[in-house]
Amino acid sequence: MEQDNELLAELTTCEERVWEALVDGDISADEKMLHADFLGVYSTGFAAKADHTAQLDDGPTVTRYKLTDHRVMRLGVDHAVLSYRADFLRAGRRRSEAMYISSIWQRGLDGWRNVFSQDTAARD
């Protein structure tokens, strides 16, 4: 699969903003990056935008993270999916976790917004 390097860099930056919001406990930064109709699919079930931002009500949820093995695929003129591996440490935990994540991004007048995300636990 041939990579669109410009799109890959752009969406990686967007995805990192979401992760930085989790590290900083920054609800407004998280809200800004998520589409109003955001849907997350996680091992705990479905999450709307309000659910995703509410996880930050008590502060940061992630202490550190590293995103690797990025791949991007255009789904249309203004939609693309970014898939990657995330290795991270949740706040208050001692053991790191790893997941493969696919996030669909939609481009609008105000830039890219994350409209869908699905996490899959990595088996190491």
PDB file of N, CA and C in Angstrom:
ATOM      1  N   MET A   1       0.851  -1.171   0.000  1.00  0.00           N
ATOM      2  CA  MET A   1       0.000   0.000   0.000  1.00  0.00           C
ATOM      3  C   MET A   1       0.899   1.237   0.000  1.00  0.00           C
ATOM      4  N   GLU A   2       0.726   2.099  -0.964  1.00  0.00           N
ATOM      5  CA  GLU A   2       1.514   3.327  -1.065  1.00  0.00           C
ATOM      6  C   GLU A   2       0.971   4.365  -0.091  1.00  0.00           C
ATOM      7  N   GLN A   3       1.880   4.980   0.664  1.00  0.00           N
ATOM      8  CA  GLN A   3       1.486   5.969   1.666  1.00  0.00           C
ATOM      9  C   GLN A   3       1.383   7.360   1.055  1.00  0.00           C
ATOM     10  N   ASP A   4       0.414   8.110   1.489  1.00  0.00           N
ATOM     11  CA  ASP A   4       0.288   9.531   1.183  1.00  0.00           C
ATOM     12  C   ASP A   4       0.978  10.248   2.343  1.00  0.00           C
ATOM     13  N   ASN A   5       2.269  10.571   2.168  1.00  0.00           N
ATOM     14  CA  ASN A   5       3.082  11.079   3.276  1.00  0.00           C
ATOM     15  C   ASN A   5       2.572  12.385   3.863  1.00  0.00           C
ATOM     16  N   GLU A   6       2.054  13.269   3.027  1.00  0.00           N
ATOM     17  CA  GLU A   6       1.535  14.541   3.534  1.00  0.00           C
ATOM     18  C   GLU A   6       0.310  14.312   4.418  1.00  0.00           C
ATOM     19  N   LEU A   7      -0.604  13.485   3.944  1.00  0.00           N
ATOM     20  CA  LEU A   7      -1.801  13.166   4.727  1.00  0.00           C
ATOM     21  C   LEU A   7      -1.422  12.415   6.000  1.00  0.00           C
ATOM     22  N   LEU A   8      -0.484  11.495   5.889  1.00  0.00           N
ATOM     23  CA  LEU A   8      -0.029  10.740   7.052  1.00  0.00           C
ATOM     24  C   LEU A   8       0.509  11.674   8.136  1.00  0.00           C
ATOM     25  N   ALA A   9       1.336  12.624   7.743  1.00  0.00           N
ATOM     26  CA  ALA A   9       1.900  13.581   8.704  1.00  0.00           C
ATOM     27  C   ALA A   9       0.809  14.448   9.324  1.00  0.00           C
ATOM     28  N   GLU A  10      -0.118  14.894   8.501  1.00  0.00           N
ATOM     29  CA  GLU A  10      -1.199  15.767   8.978  1.00  0.00           C
ATOM     30  C   GLU A  10      -2.085  15.057  10.005  1.00  0.00           C
ATOM     31  N   LEU A  11      -2.482  13.827   9.685  1.00  0.00           N
ATOM     32  CA  LEU A  11      -3.370  13.101  10.595  1.00  0.00           C
ATOM     33  C   LEU A  11      -2.637  12.584  11.826  1.00  0.00           C
ATOM     34  N   THR A  12      -1.356  12.272  11.682  1.00  0.00           N
ATOM     35  CA  THR A  12      -0.567  11.880  12.853  1.00  0.00           C
ATOM     36  C   THR A  12      -0.505  13.032  13.846  1.00  0.00           C
ATOM     37  N   THR A  13      -0.313  14.239  13.348  1.00  0.00           N
ATOM     38  CA  THR A  13      -0.314  15.423  14.216  1.00  0.00           C
ATOM     39  C   THR A  13      -1.660  15.578  14.912  1.00  0.00           C
ATOM     40  N   CYS A  14      -2.745  15.387  14.176  1.00  0.00           N
ATOM     41  CA  CYS A  14      -4.086  15.477  14.771  1.00  0.00           C
ATOM     42  C   CYS A  14      -4.266  14.422  15.859  1.00  0.00           C
ATOM     43  N   GLU A  15      -3.852  13.207  15.570  1.00  0.00           N
ATOM     44  CA  GLU A  15      -3.998  12.112  16.536  1.00  0.00           C
ATOM     45  C   GLU A  15      -3.167  12.385  17.790  1.00  0.00           C
ATOM     46  N   GLU A  16      -1.974  12.916  17.602  1.00  0.00           N
ATOM     47  CA  GLU A  16      -1.124  13.252  18.750  1.00  0.00           C
ATOM     48  C   GLU A  16      -1.758  14.336  19.617  1.00  0.00           C
ATOM     49  N   ARG A  17      -2.522  15.228  19.014  1.00  0.00           N
ATOM     50  CA  ARG A  17      -3.224  16.252  19.804  1.00  0.00           C
ATOM     51  C   ARG A  17      -4.248  15.614  20.740  1.00  0.00           C
ATOM     52  N   VAL A  18      -4.907  14.567  20.277  1.00  0.00           N
ATOM     53  CA  VAL A  18      -5.852  13.849  21.134  1.00  0.00           C
ATOM     54  C   VAL A  18      -5.096  13.196  22.294  1.00  0.00           C
ATOM     55  N   TRP A  19      -3.995  12.525  21.983  1.00  0.00           N
ATOM     56  CA  TRP A  19      -3.195  11.888  23.034  1.00  0.00           C
ATOM     57  C   TRP A  19      -2.642  12.918  24.015  1.00  0.00           C
ATOM     58  N   GLU A  20      -2.185  14.059  23.513  1.00  0.00           N
ATOM     59  CA  GLU A  20      -1.666  15.109  24.401  1.00  0.00           C
ATOM     60  C   GLU A  20      -2.764  15.633  25.322  1.00  0.00           C
ATOM     61  N   ALA A  21      -3.992  15.701  24.822  1.00  0.00           N
ATOM     62  CA  ALA A  21      -5.119  16.110  25.669  1.00  0.00           C
ATOM     63  C   ALA A  21      -5.312  15.112  26.809  1.00  0.00           C
ATOM     64  N   LEU A  22      -5.115  13.821  26.531  1.00  0.00           N
ATOM     65  CA  LEU A  22      -5.239  12.798  27.569  1.00  0.00           C
ATOM     66  C   LEU A  22      -4.122  12.924  28.599  1.00  0.00           C
ATOM     67  N   VAL A  23      -2.914  13.245  28.144  1.00  0.00           N
ATOM     68  CA  VAL A  23      -1.767  13.431  29.046  1.00  0.00           C
ATOM     69  C   VAL A  23      -1.938  14.690  29.891  1.00  0.00           C
ATOM     70  N   ASP A  24      -2.437  15.748  29.275  1.00  0.00           N
ATOM     71  CA  ASP A  24      -2.584  17.037  29.961  1.00  0.00           C
ATOM     72  C   ASP A  24      -3.890  17.165  30.745  1.00  0.00           C
ATOM     73  N   GLY A  25      -4.831  16.253  30.509  1.00  0.00           N
ATOM     74  CA  GLY A  25      -6.153  16.378  31.128  1.00  0.00           C
ATOM     75  C   GLY A  25      -6.925  17.558  30.572  1.00  0.00           C
ATOM     76  N   ASP A  26      -6.694  17.868  29.306  1.00  0.00           N
ATOM     77  CA  ASP A  26      -7.237  19.070  28.661  1.00  0.00           C
ATOM     78  C   ASP A  26      -8.541  18.753  27.920  1.00  0.00           C
ATOM     79  N   ILE A  27      -9.653  18.973  28.598  1.00  0.00           N
ATOM     80  CA  ILE A  27     -10.966  18.664  28.025  1.00  0.00           C
ATOM     81  C   ILE A  27     -11.229  19.478  26.764  1.00  0.00           C
ATOM     82  N   SER A  28     -10.914  20.759  26.774  1.00  0.00           N
ATOM     83  CA  SER A  28     -11.215  21.599  25.606  1.00  0.00           C
ATOM     84  C   SER A  28     -10.397  21.175  24.389  1.00  0.00           C
ATOM     85  N   ALA A  29      -9.159  20.753  24.584  1.00  0.00           N
ATOM     86  CA  ALA A  29      -8.350  20.269  23.458  1.00  0.00           C
ATOM     87  C   ALA A  29      -8.941  18.977  22.901  1.00  0.00           C
ATOM     88  N   ASP A  30      -9.406  18.096  23.787  1.00  0.00           N
ATOM     89  CA  ASP A  30     -10.033  16.850  23.363  1.00  0.00           C
ATOM     90  C   ASP A  30     -11.309  17.148  22.581  1.00  0.00           C
ATOM     91  N   GLU A  31     -12.147  18.038  23.118  1.00  0.00           N
ATOM     92  CA  GLU A  31     -13.394  18.416  22.441  1.00  0.00           C
ATOM     93  C   GLU A  31     -13.129  18.972  21.050  1.00  0.00           C
ATOM     94  N   LYS A  32     -12.098  19.790  20.931  1.00  0.00           N
ATOM     95  CA  LYS A  32     -11.789  20.441  19.656  1.00  0.00           C
ATOM     96  C   LYS A  32     -11.443  19.430  18.565  1.00  0.00           C
ATOM     97  N   MET A  33     -10.792  18.335  18.937  1.00  0.00           N
ATOM     98  CA  MET A  33     -10.334  17.371  17.942  1.00  0.00           C
ATOM     99  C   MET A  33     -11.395  16.342  17.559  1.00  0.00           C
ATOM    100  N   LEU A  34     -12.453  16.231  18.356  1.00  0.00           N
ATOM    101  CA  LEU A  34     -13.486  15.232  18.089  1.00  0.00           C
ATOM    102  C   LEU A  34     -14.681  15.845  17.370  1.00  0.00           C
ATOM    103  N   HIS A  35     -15.174  15.146  16.373  1.00  0.00           N
ATOM    104  CA  HIS A  35     -16.378  15.536  15.638  1.00  0.00           C
ATOM    105  C   HIS A  35     -17.577  15.448  16.583  1.00  0.00           C
ATOM    106  N   ALA A  36     -18.578  16.258  16.356  1.00  0.00           N
ATOM    107  CA  ALA A  36     -19.791  16.245  17.190  1.00  0.00           C
ATOM    108  C   ALA A  36     -20.437  14.861  17.222  1.00  0.00           C
ATOM    109  N   ASP A  37     -20.335  14.112  16.121  1.00  0.00           N
ATOM    110  CA  ASP A  37     -20.934  12.781  16.027  1.00  0.00           C
ATOM    111  C   ASP A  37     -19.933  11.665  16.307  1.00  0.00           C
ATOM    112  N   PHE A  38     -18.841  11.963  16.999  1.00  0.00           N
ATOM    113  CA  PHE A  38     -17.801  10.976  17.287  1.00  0.00           C
ATOM    114  C   PHE A  38     -18.387   9.700  17.877  1.00  0.00           C
ATOM    115  N   LEU A  39     -17.852   8.559  17.413  1.00  0.00           N
ATOM    116  CA  LEU A  39     -18.185   7.253  17.974  1.00  0.00           C
ATOM    117  C   LEU A  39     -16.887   6.511  18.237  1.00  0.00           C
ATOM    118  N   GLY A  40     -16.713   6.079  19.471  1.00  0.00           N
ATOM    119  CA  GLY A  40     -15.572   5.240  19.836  1.00  0.00           C
ATOM    120  C   GLY A  40     -16.060   3.832  20.104  1.00  0.00           C
ATOM    121  N   VAL A  41     -15.291   2.845  19.659  1.00  0.00           N
ATOM    122  CA  VAL A  41     -15.613   1.444  19.901  1.00  0.00           C
ATOM    123  C   VAL A  41     -14.444   0.852  20.689  1.00  0.00           C
ATOM    124  N   TYR A  42     -14.733   0.495  21.931  1.00  0.00           N
ATOM    125  CA  TYR A  42     -13.692   0.055  22.852  1.00  0.00           C
ATOM    126  C   TYR A  42     -14.082  -1.277  23.496  1.00  0.00           C
ATOM    127  N   SER A  43     -13.173  -1.877  24.227  1.00  0.00           N
ATOM    128  CA  SER A  43     -13.476  -3.140  24.908  1.00  0.00           C
ATOM    129  C   SER A  43     -14.582  -2.954  25.949  1.00  0.00           C
ATOM    130  N   THR A  44     -14.780  -1.721  26.391  1.00  0.00           N
ATOM    131  CA  THR A  44     -15.825  -1.414  27.375  1.00  0.00           C
ATOM    132  C   THR A  44     -17.168  -1.067  26.733  1.00  0.00           C
ATOM    133  N   GLY A  45     -17.192  -0.953  25.402  1.00  0.00           N
ATOM    134  CA  GLY A  45     -18.430  -0.627  24.703  1.00  0.00           C
ATOM    135  C   GLY A  45     -18.286   0.599  23.827  1.00  0.00           C
ATOM    136  N   PHE A  46     -19.409   1.227  23.546  1.00  0.00           N
ATOM    137  CA  PHE A  46     -19.443   2.399  22.677  1.00  0.00           C
ATOM    138  C   PHE A  46     -19.278   3.680  23.489  1.00  0.00           C
ATOM    139  N   ALA A  47     -18.698   4.697  22.852  1.00  0.00           N
ATOM    140  CA  ALA A  47     -18.527   5.993  23.515  1.00  0.00           C
ATOM    141  C   ALA A  47     -18.831   7.110  22.530  1.00  0.00           C
ATOM    142  N   ALA A  48     -19.593   8.093  22.991  1.00  0.00           N
ATOM    143  CA  ALA A  48     -19.859   9.305  22.218  1.00  0.00           C
ATOM    144  C   ALA A  48     -18.802  10.350  22.587  1.00  0.00           C
ATOM    145  N   LYS A  49     -18.856  11.485  21.930  1.00  0.00           N
ATOM    146  CA  LYS A  49     -17.908  12.561  22.219  1.00  0.00           C
ATOM    147  C   LYS A  49     -17.935  12.930  23.700  1.00  0.00           C
ATOM    148  N   ALA A  50     -19.129  13.061  24.267  1.00  0.00           N
ATOM    149  CA  ALA A  50     -19.256  13.438  25.679  1.00  0.00           C
ATOM    150  C   ALA A  50     -18.603  12.409  26.599  1.00  0.00           C
ATOM    151  N   ASP A  51     -18.685  11.131  26.234  1.00  0.00           N
ATOM    152  CA  ASP A  51     -18.048  10.079  27.031  1.00  0.00           C
ATOM    153  C   ASP A  51     -16.525  10.202  26.966  1.00  0.00           C
ATOM    154  N   HIS A  52     -16.026  10.476  25.767  1.00  0.00           N
ATOM    155  CA  HIS A  52     -14.572  10.589  25.583  1.00  0.00           C
ATOM    156  C   HIS A  52     -14.016  11.758  26.384  1.00  0.00           C
ATOM    157  N   THR A  53     -14.690  12.888  26.336  1.00  0.00           N
ATOM    158  CA  THR A  53     -14.196  14.057  27.069  1.00  0.00           C
ATOM    159  C   THR A  53     -14.413  13.916  28.581  1.00  0.00           C
ATOM    160  N   ALA A  54     -15.473  13.217  28.988  1.00  0.00           N
ATOM    161  CA  ALA A  54     -15.774  13.055  30.418  1.00  0.00           C
ATOM    162  C   ALA A  54     -14.694  12.270  31.148  1.00  0.00           C
ATOM    163  N   GLN A  55     -13.955  11.442  30.418  1.00  0.00           N
ATOM    164  CA  GLN A  55     -12.889  10.684  31.076  1.00  0.00           C
ATOM    165  C   GLN A  55     -11.820  11.608  31.656  1.00  0.00           C
ATOM    166  N   LEU A  56     -11.805  12.866  31.210  1.00  0.00           N
ATOM    167  CA  LEU A  56     -10.817  13.833  31.687  1.00  0.00           C
ATOM    168  C   LEU A  56     -11.337  14.696  32.834  1.00  0.00           C
ATOM    169  N   ASP A  57     -12.554  14.439  33.280  1.00  0.00           N
ATOM    170  CA  ASP A  57     -13.144  15.234  34.368  1.00  0.00           C
ATOM    171  C   ASP A  57     -12.272  15.252  35.622  1.00  0.00           C
ATOM    172  N   ASP A  58     -11.575  14.156  35.869  1.00  0.00           N
ATOM    173  CA  ASP A  58     -10.720  14.062  37.059  1.00  0.00           C
ATOM    174  C   ASP A  58      -9.245  14.255  36.732  1.00  0.00           C
ATOM    175  N   GLY A  59      -8.963  14.781  35.547  1.00  0.00           N
ATOM    176  CA  GLY A  59      -7.576  15.053  35.178  1.00  0.00           C
ATOM    177  C   GLY A  59      -7.035  14.083  34.140  1.00  0.00           C
ATOM    178  N   PRO A  60      -5.722  14.083  33.964  1.00  0.00           N
ATOM    179  CA  PRO A  60      -5.084  13.253  32.939  1.00  0.00           C
ATOM    180  C   PRO A  60      -5.405  11.767  33.107  1.00  0.00           C
ATOM    181  N   THR A  61      -5.539  11.082  31.977  1.00  0.00           N
ATOM    182  CA  THR A  61      -5.797   9.640  32.003  1.00  0.00           C
ATOM    183  C   THR A  61      -4.610   8.834  31.501  1.00  0.00           C
ATOM    184  N   VAL A  62      -3.644   9.506  30.897  1.00  0.00           N
ATOM    185  CA  VAL A  62      -2.459   8.846  30.349  1.00  0.00           C
ATOM    186  C   VAL A  62      -1.225   9.591  30.847  1.00  0.00           C
ATOM    187  N   THR A  63      -0.206   8.835  31.250  1.00  0.00           N
ATOM    188  CA  THR A  63       1.044   9.432  31.724  1.00  0.00           C
ATOM    189  C   THR A  63       2.033   9.626  30.583  1.00  0.00           C
ATOM    190  N   ARG A  64       2.119   8.612  29.723  1.00  0.00           N
ATOM    191  CA  ARG A  64       3.018   8.707  28.566  1.00  0.00           C
ATOM    192  C   ARG A  64       2.489   7.803  27.455  1.00  0.00           C
ATOM    193  N   TYR A  65       2.950   8.098  26.237  1.00  0.00           N
ATOM    194  CA  TYR A  65       2.530   7.300  25.088  1.00  0.00           C
ATOM    195  C   TYR A  65       3.582   7.364  23.985  1.00  0.00           C
ATOM    196  N   LYS A  66       3.508   6.365  23.113  1.00  0.00           N
ATOM    197  CA  LYS A  66       4.355   6.340  21.917  1.00  0.00           C
ATOM    198  C   LYS A  66       3.512   5.732  20.802  1.00  0.00           C
ATOM    199  N   LEU A  67       3.408   6.448  19.687  1.00  0.00           N
ATOM    200  CA  LEU A  67       2.641   5.976  18.535  1.00  0.00           C
ATOM    201  C   LEU A  67       3.617   5.546  17.450  1.00  0.00           C
ATOM    202  N   THR A  68       3.412   4.344  16.901  1.00  0.00           N
ATOM    203  CA  THR A  68       4.314   3.806  15.878  1.00  0.00           C
ATOM    204  C   THR A  68       3.527   3.080  14.793  1.00  0.00           C
ATOM    205  N   ASP A  69       4.235   2.702  13.756  1.00  0.00           N
ATOM    206  CA  ASP A  69       3.701   1.868  12.664  1.00  0.00           C
ATOM    207  C   ASP A  69       2.454   2.483  12.021  1.00  0.00           C
ATOM    208  N   HIS A  70       2.507   3.780  11.784  1.00  0.00           N
ATOM    209  CA  HIS A  70       1.378   4.522  11.206  1.00  0.00           C
ATOM    210  C   HIS A  70       1.095   4.099   9.761  1.00  0.00           C
ATOM    211  N   ARG A  71      -0.178   4.044   9.439  1.00  0.00           N
ATOM    212  CA  ARG A  71      -0.652   3.799   8.072  1.00  0.00           C
ATOM    213  C   ARG A  71      -1.864   4.685   7.831  1.00  0.00           C
ATOM    214  N   VAL A  72      -1.993   5.159   6.613  1.00  0.00           N
ATOM    215  CA  VAL A  72      -3.131   6.010   6.286  1.00  0.00           C
ATOM    216  C   VAL A  72      -3.771   5.525   4.995  1.00  0.00           C
ATOM    217  N   MET A  73      -5.095   5.658   4.918  1.00  0.00           N
ATOM    218  CA  MET A  73      -5.832   5.299   3.710  1.00  0.00           C
ATOM    219  C   MET A  73      -6.931   6.335   3.497  1.00  0.00           C
ATOM    220  N   ARG A  74      -6.961   6.903   2.313  1.00  0.00           N
ATOM    221  CA  ARG A  74      -8.046   7.829   1.978  1.00  0.00           C
ATOM    222  C   ARG A  74      -9.336   7.042   1.803  1.00  0.00           C
ATOM    223  N   LEU A  75     -10.409   7.587   2.361  1.00  0.00           N
ATOM    224  CA  LEU A  75     -11.729   6.978   2.227  1.00  0.00           C
ATOM    225  C   LEU A  75     -12.635   7.822   1.350  1.00  0.00           C
ATOM    226  N   GLY A  76     -12.126   8.929   0.881  1.00  0.00           N
ATOM    227  CA  GLY A  76     -12.858   9.876   0.052  1.00  0.00           C
ATOM    228  C   GLY A  76     -12.097  11.180   0.046  1.00  0.00           C
ATOM    229  N   VAL A  77     -12.676  12.197  -0.549  1.00  0.00           N
ATOM    230  CA  VAL A  77     -12.007  13.492  -0.653  1.00  0.00           C
ATOM    231  C   VAL A  77     -11.721  14.076   0.730  1.00  0.00           C
ATOM    232  N   ASP A  78     -12.679  13.989   1.641  1.00  0.00           N
ATOM    233  CA  ASP A  78     -12.548  14.619   2.953  1.00  0.00           C
ATOM    234  C   ASP A  78     -12.577  13.631   4.115  1.00  0.00           C
ATOM    235  N   HIS A  79     -12.265  12.380   3.846  1.00  0.00           N
ATOM    236  CA  HIS A  79     -12.236  11.358   4.895  1.00  0.00           C
ATOM    237  C   HIS A  79     -11.006  10.479   4.714  1.00  0.00           C
ATOM    238  N   ALA A  80     -10.433  10.066   5.835  1.00  0.00           N
ATOM    239  CA  ALA A  80      -9.290   9.152   5.796  1.00  0.00           C
ATOM    240  C   ALA A  80      -9.245   8.378   7.104  1.00  0.00           C
ATOM    241  N   VAL A  81      -8.625   7.200   7.055  1.00  0.00           N
ATOM    242  CA  VAL A  81      -8.426   6.416   8.266  1.00  0.00           C
ATOM    243  C   VAL A  81      -6.932   6.362   8.566  1.00  0.00           C
ATOM    244  N   LEU A  82      -6.596   6.625   9.815  1.00  0.00           N
ATOM    245  CA  LEU A  82      -5.231   6.517  10.314  1.00  0.00           C
ATOM    246  C   LEU A  82      -5.197   5.329  11.262  1.00  0.00           C
ATOM    247  N   SER A  83      -4.305   4.378  10.986  1.00  0.00           N
ATOM    248  CA  SER A  83      -4.143   3.208  11.852  1.00  0.00           C
ATOM    249  C   SER A  83      -2.712   3.188  12.369  1.00  0.00           C
ATOM    250  N   TYR A  84      -2.538   2.739  13.609  1.00  0.00           N
ATOM    251  CA  TYR A  84      -1.212   2.755  14.222  1.00  0.00           C
ATOM    252  C   TYR A  84      -1.220   1.909  15.490  1.00  0.00           C
ATOM    253  N   ARG A  85      -0.040   1.728  16.041  1.00  0.00           N
ATOM    254  CA  ARG A  85       0.119   1.064  17.333  1.00  0.00           C
ATOM    255  C   ARG A  85       0.384   2.134  18.390  1.00  0.00           C
ATOM    256  N   ALA A  86      -0.275   2.003  19.528  1.00  0.00           N
ATOM    257  CA  ALA A  86      -0.053   2.905  20.660  1.00  0.00           C
ATOM    258  C   ALA A  86       0.445   2.090  21.849  1.00  0.00           C
ATOM    259  N   ASP A  87       1.599   2.468  22.365  1.00  0.00           N
ATOM    260  CA  ASP A  87       2.118   1.921  23.616  1.00  0.00           C
ATOM    261  C   ASP A  87       1.993   3.042  24.635  1.00  0.00           C
ATOM    262  N   PHE A  88       1.348   2.782  25.760  1.00  0.00           N
ATOM    263  CA  PHE A  88       1.048   3.876  26.682  1.00  0.00           C
ATOM    264  C   PHE A  88       0.924   3.377  28.112  1.00  0.00           C
ATOM    265  N   LEU A  89       1.012   4.322  29.028  1.00  0.00           N
ATOM    266  CA  LEU A  89       0.836   4.045  30.447  1.00  0.00           C
ATOM    267  C   LEU A  89      -0.320   4.893  30.947  1.00  0.00           C
ATOM    268  N   ARG A  90      -1.343   4.228  31.478  1.00  0.00           N
ATOM    269  CA  ARG A  90      -2.484   4.950  32.043  1.00  0.00           C
ATOM    270  C   ARG A  90      -2.073   5.603  33.368  1.00  0.00           C
ATOM    271  N   ALA A  91      -2.680   6.722  33.669  1.00  0.00           N
ATOM    272  CA  ALA A  91      -2.411   7.416  34.932  1.00  0.00           C
ATOM    273  C   ALA A  91      -2.734   6.487  36.104  1.00  0.00           C
ATOM    274  N   GLY A  92      -1.840   6.440  37.071  1.00  0.00           N
ATOM    275  CA  GLY A  92      -2.053   5.619  38.252  1.00  0.00           C
ATOM    276  C   GLY A  92      -1.707   4.154  38.087  1.00  0.00           C
ATOM    277  N   ARG A  93      -1.229   3.763  36.930  1.00  0.00           N
ATOM    278  CA  ARG A  93      -0.862   2.364  36.681  1.00  0.00           C
ATOM    279  C   ARG A  93       0.655   2.225  36.595  1.00  0.00           C
ATOM    280  N   ARG A  94       1.126   1.014  36.774  1.00  0.00           N
ATOM    281  CA  ARG A  94       2.566   0.748  36.692  1.00  0.00           C
ATOM    282  C   ARG A  94       2.943  -0.027  35.442  1.00  0.00           C
ATOM    283  N   ARG A  95       1.949  -0.611  34.804  1.00  0.00           N
ATOM    284  CA  ARG A  95       2.215  -1.475  33.656  1.00  0.00           C
ATOM    285  C   ARG A  95       1.696  -0.834  32.376  1.00  0.00           C
ATOM    286  N   SER A  96       2.555  -0.785  31.376  1.00  0.00           N
ATOM    287  CA  SER A  96       2.169  -0.219  30.081  1.00  0.00           C
ATOM    288  C   SER A  96       1.214  -1.151  29.353  1.00  0.00           C
ATOM    289  N   GLU A  97       0.464  -0.561  28.429  1.00  0.00           N
ATOM    290  CA  GLU A  97      -0.450  -1.311  27.573  1.00  0.00           C
ATOM    291  C   GLU A  97      -0.115  -1.001  26.122  1.00  0.00           C
ATOM    292  N   ALA A  98      -0.599  -1.848  25.234  1.00  0.00           N
ATOM    293  CA  ALA A  98      -0.420  -1.613  23.802  1.00  0.00           C
ATOM    294  C   ALA A  98      -1.730  -1.917  23.083  1.00  0.00           C
ATOM    295  N   MET A  99      -2.048  -1.073  22.119  1.00  0.00           N
ATOM    296  CA  MET A  99      -3.259  -1.249  21.314  1.00  0.00           C
ATOM    297  C   MET A  99      -2.960  -0.889  19.866  1.00  0.00           C
ATOM    298  N   TYR A 100      -3.715  -1.494  18.988  1.00  0.00           N
ATOM    299  CA  TYR A 100      -3.762  -1.050  17.595  1.00  0.00           C
ATOM    300  C   TYR A 100      -5.031  -0.223  17.475  1.00  0.00           C
ATOM    301  N   ILE A 101      -4.892   0.943  16.876  1.00  0.00           N
ATOM    302  CA  ILE A 101      -6.004   1.887  16.806  1.00  0.00           C
ATOM    303  C   ILE A 101      -6.245   2.300  15.363  1.00  0.00           C
ATOM    304  N   SER A 102      -7.504   2.381  15.000  1.00  0.00           N
ATOM    305  CA  SER A 102      -7.898   2.945  13.708  1.00  0.00           C
ATOM    306  C   SER A 102      -8.844   4.100  13.980  1.00  0.00           C
ATOM    307  N   SER A 103      -8.493   5.265  13.450  1.00  0.00           N
ATOM    308  CA  SER A 103      -9.290   6.476  13.631  1.00  0.00           C
ATOM    309  C   SER A 103      -9.680   7.036  12.275  1.00  0.00           C
ATOM    310  N   ILE A 104     -10.958   7.276  12.096  1.00  0.00           N
ATOM    311  CA  ILE A 104     -11.430   7.910  10.864  1.00  0.00           C
ATOM    312  C   ILE A 104     -11.540   9.404  11.123  1.00  0.00           C
ATOM    313  N   TRP A 105     -10.941  10.164  10.231  1.00  0.00           N
ATOM    314  CA  TRP A 105     -10.918  11.624  10.328  1.00  0.00           C
ATOM    315  C   TRP A 105     -11.706  12.223   9.176  1.00  0.00           C
ATOM    316  N   GLN A 106     -12.455  13.276   9.480  1.00  0.00           N
ATOM    317  CA  GLN A 106     -13.239  14.003   8.478  1.00  0.00           C
ATOM    318  C   GLN A 106     -12.732  15.440   8.420  1.00  0.00           C
ATOM    319  N   ARG A 107     -12.457  15.912   7.203  1.00  0.00           N
ATOM    320  CA  ARG A 107     -12.002  17.294   7.031  1.00  0.00           C
ATOM    321  C   ARG A 107     -13.199  18.196   6.777  1.00  0.00           C
ATOM    322  N   GLY A 108     -13.266  19.284   7.546  1.00  0.00           N
ATOM    323  CA  GLY A 108     -14.312  20.286   7.386  1.00  0.00           C
ATOM    324  C   GLY A 108     -13.697  21.658   7.258  1.00  0.00           C
ATOM    325  N   LEU A 109     -14.512  22.676   7.327  1.00  0.00           N
ATOM    326  CA  LEU A 109     -14.034  24.054   7.205  1.00  0.00           C
ATOM    327  C   LEU A 109     -13.062  24.427   8.320  1.00  0.00           C
ATOM    328  N   ASP A 110     -13.212  23.784   9.480  1.00  0.00           N
ATOM    329  CA  ASP A 110     -12.341  24.087  10.620  1.00  0.00           C
ATOM    330  C   ASP A 110     -11.235  23.049  10.812  1.00  0.00           C
ATOM    331  N   GLY A 111     -10.932  22.293   9.773  1.00  0.00           N
ATOM    332  CA  GLY A 111      -9.839  21.315   9.838  1.00  0.00           C
ATOM    333  C   GLY A 111     -10.336  19.893  10.024  1.00  0.00           C
ATOM    334  N   TRP A 112      -9.415  19.016  10.386  1.00  0.00           N
ATOM    335  CA  TRP A 112      -9.719  17.601  10.571  1.00  0.00           C
ATOM    336  C   TRP A 112     -10.323  17.356  11.949  1.00  0.00           C
ATOM    337  N   ARG A 113     -11.355  16.503  11.996  1.00  0.00           N
ATOM    338  CA  ARG A 113     -11.978  16.095  13.250  1.00  0.00           C
ATOM    339  C   ARG A 113     -12.106  14.573  13.251  1.00  0.00           C
ATOM    340  N   ASN A 114     -11.871  13.977  14.408  1.00  0.00           N
ATOM    341  CA  ASN A 114     -11.959  12.526  14.568  1.00  0.00           C
ATOM    342  C   ASN A 114     -13.433  12.141  14.706  1.00  0.00           C
ATOM    343  N   VAL A 115     -13.924  11.370  13.757  1.00  0.00           N
ATOM    344  CA  VAL A 115     -15.339  11.005  13.746  1.00  0.00           C
ATOM    345  C   VAL A 115     -15.566   9.584  14.268  1.00  0.00           C
ATOM    346  N   PHE A 116     -14.519   8.741  14.217  1.00  0.00           N
ATOM    347  CA  PHE A 116     -14.654   7.348  14.646  1.00  0.00           C
ATOM    348  C   PHE A 116     -13.298   6.820  15.090  1.00  0.00           C
ATOM    349  N   SER A 117     -13.302   6.019  16.145  1.00  0.00           N
ATOM    350  CA  SER A 117     -12.066   5.386  16.599  1.00  0.00           C
ATOM    351  C   SER A 117     -12.379   4.016  17.166  1.00  0.00           C
ATOM    352  N   GLN A 118     -11.534   3.038  16.834  1.00  0.00           N
ATOM    353  CA  GLN A 118     -11.685   1.696  17.382  1.00  0.00           C
ATOM    354  C   GLN A 118     -10.332   1.206  17.864  1.00  0.00           C
ATOM    355  N   ASP A 119     -10.315   0.666  19.084  1.00  0.00           N
ATOM    356  CA  ASP A 119      -9.096   0.148  19.697  1.00  0.00           C
ATOM    357  C   ASP A 119      -9.145  -1.374  19.733  1.00  0.00           C
ATOM    358  N   THR A 120      -7.997  -1.995  19.476  1.00  0.00           N
ATOM    359  CA  THR A 120      -7.856  -3.440  19.582  1.00  0.00           C
ATOM    360  C   THR A 120      -6.622  -3.722  20.424  1.00  0.00           C
ATOM    361  N   ALA A 121      -6.793  -4.445  21.514  1.00  0.00           N
ATOM    362  CA  ALA A 121      -5.651  -4.758  22.378  1.00  0.00           C
ATOM    363  C   ALA A 121      -4.603  -5.540  21.591  1.00  0.00           C
ATOM    364  N   ALA A 122      -3.343  -5.177  21.785  1.00  0.00           N
ATOM    365  CA  ALA A 122      -2.232  -5.867  21.118  1.00  0.00           C
ATOM    366  C   ALA A 122      -1.851  -7.096  21.938  1.00  0.00           C
ATOM    367  N   ARG A 123      -1.549  -8.169  21.247  1.00  0.00           N
ATOM    368  CA  ARG A 123      -1.044  -9.374  21.912  1.00  0.00           C
ATOM    369  C   ARG A 123       0.451  -9.425  21.676  1.00  0.00           C
ATOM    370  N   ASP A 124       1.201  -9.335  22.739  1.00  0.00           N
ATOM    371  CA  ASP A 124       2.669  -9.375  22.614  1.00  0.00           C
ATOM    372  C   ASP A 124       3.229 -10.660  23.154  1.00  0.00           C
TER     373      ASP A 124
END
